[in-house]
Amino acid sequence: MEHQWNPRPKPDRVEWLERRVEFEDYASNRAFLDRLNDFCEQQGRYPDISFGRTYVNITLRAEGEGAAIGEADQAFAAAIDGLL
């Protein structure tokens, strides 16, 4: 399965990005979640996360009320990709 971020648009702007990441086992999933936690702590930014035994769903919302996804959000998403 190819991993990619999917924009969730509203009229005239994109408010958030979503991504689902699948893992072969819980240990791999847990290792990613630990890396993600450390990264988010360093950045002071926390996406919405839900997970099961072998998957993680991540929703990255634009910062600021009424904000659209911008370059900083794209860079944050790319950094998360790098954790994989």
Protein backbone atom coordinates (compact mmCIF):
# COMPACT_ATOMS: atom_id res chain seq x y z
CA MET A 1 0.00 0.00 0.00
CA GLU A 2 1.42 3.37 -1.01
CA HIS A 3 1.51 5.86 1.83
CA GLN A 4 0.38 9.37 1.07
CA TRP A 5 -1.29 12.38 2.61
CA ASN A 6 -4.80 13.13 1.40
CA PRO A 7 -6.05 16.70 1.58
CA ARG A 8 -9.53 17.24 2.95
CA PRO A 9 -10.69 20.42 1.24
CA LYS A 10 -13.33 22.89 2.18
CA PRO A 11 -14.53 25.41 -0.38
CA ASP A 12 -11.61 27.72 -1.25
CA ARG A 13 -9.07 26.03 1.07
CA VAL A 14 -7.65 22.82 2.53
CA GLU A 15 -8.10 22.61 6.29
CA TRP A 16 -6.38 19.31 7.04
CA LEU A 17 -4.38 16.40 5.70
CA GLU A 18 -5.10 12.76 6.50
CA ARG A 19 -2.96 9.69 6.22
CA ARG A 20 -3.36 6.02 7.12
CA VAL A 21 -0.23 3.96 7.68
CA GLU A 22 -0.38 0.18 7.85
CA PHE A 23 2.17 -2.02 9.62
CA GLU A 24 2.95 -5.72 9.51
CA ASP A 25 2.72 -6.12 13.28
CA TYR A 26 2.09 -4.33 16.55
CA ALA A 27 5.80 -3.98 17.36
CA SER A 28 6.42 -1.98 14.17
CA ASN A 29 3.33 0.13 14.86
CA ARG A 30 4.43 0.83 18.43
CA ALA A 31 7.96 1.78 17.34
CA PHE A 32 6.52 4.31 14.87
CA LEU A 33 4.17 5.74 17.51
CA ASP A 34 7.13 6.20 19.87
CA ARG A 35 9.12 8.04 17.19
CA LEU A 36 6.07 10.14 16.34
CA ASN A 37 5.56 11.03 19.99
CA ASP A 38 9.19 12.14 20.38
CA PHE A 39 9.00 14.23 17.20
CA CYS A 40 5.73 15.90 18.22
CA GLU A 41 7.15 16.71 21.66
CA GLN A 42 10.18 18.34 20.01
CA GLN A 43 8.01 20.35 17.63
CA GLY A 44 5.29 21.23 20.13
CA ARG A 45 2.66 20.22 17.61
CA TYR A 46 0.26 17.33 17.99
CA PRO A 47 -1.82 15.87 15.14
CA ASP A 48 -4.94 13.85 15.83
CA ILE A 49 -4.01 10.18 15.97
CA SER A 50 -6.07 7.01 16.15
CA PHE A 51 -4.63 3.55 15.90
CA GLY A 52 -5.27 -0.14 16.05
CA ARG A 53 -3.00 -3.14 16.23
CA THR A 54 -1.52 -2.70 12.75
CA TYR A 55 -2.49 0.79 11.59
CA VAL A 56 -2.28 4.47 12.48
CA ASN A 57 -4.58 7.21 11.19
CA ILE A 58 -3.11 10.71 11.38
CA THR A 59 -5.02 13.96 10.83
CA LEU A 60 -2.93 17.10 10.57
CA ARG A 61 -5.02 20.25 10.87
CA ALA A 62 -3.93 23.68 9.70
CA GLU A 63 -2.84 25.84 12.62
CA GLY A 64 -5.02 28.84 13.38
CA GLU A 65 -8.74 29.32 13.07
CA GLY A 66 -9.84 29.32 9.45
CA ALA A 67 -6.28 28.60 8.28
CA ALA A 68 -5.48 26.66 5.16
CA ILE A 69 -2.76 24.02 4.91
CA GLY A 70 0.48 25.81 4.09
CA GLU A 71 4.15 25.11 3.55
CA ALA A 72 4.88 24.62 7.26
CA ASP A 73 2.09 22.02 7.46
CA GLN A 74 3.41 20.24 4.37
CA ALA A 75 6.92 20.22 5.89
CA PHE A 76 5.53 18.80 9.15
CA ALA A 77 3.74 16.05 7.19
CA ALA A 78 6.93 15.29 5.25
CA ALA A 79 8.87 15.03 8.52
CA ILE A 80 6.31 12.50 9.77
CA ASP A 81 6.85 10.56 6.54
CA GLY A 82 10.54 10.50 7.39
CA LEU A 83 9.77 8.71 10.63
CA LEU A 84 8.57 5.71 8.65
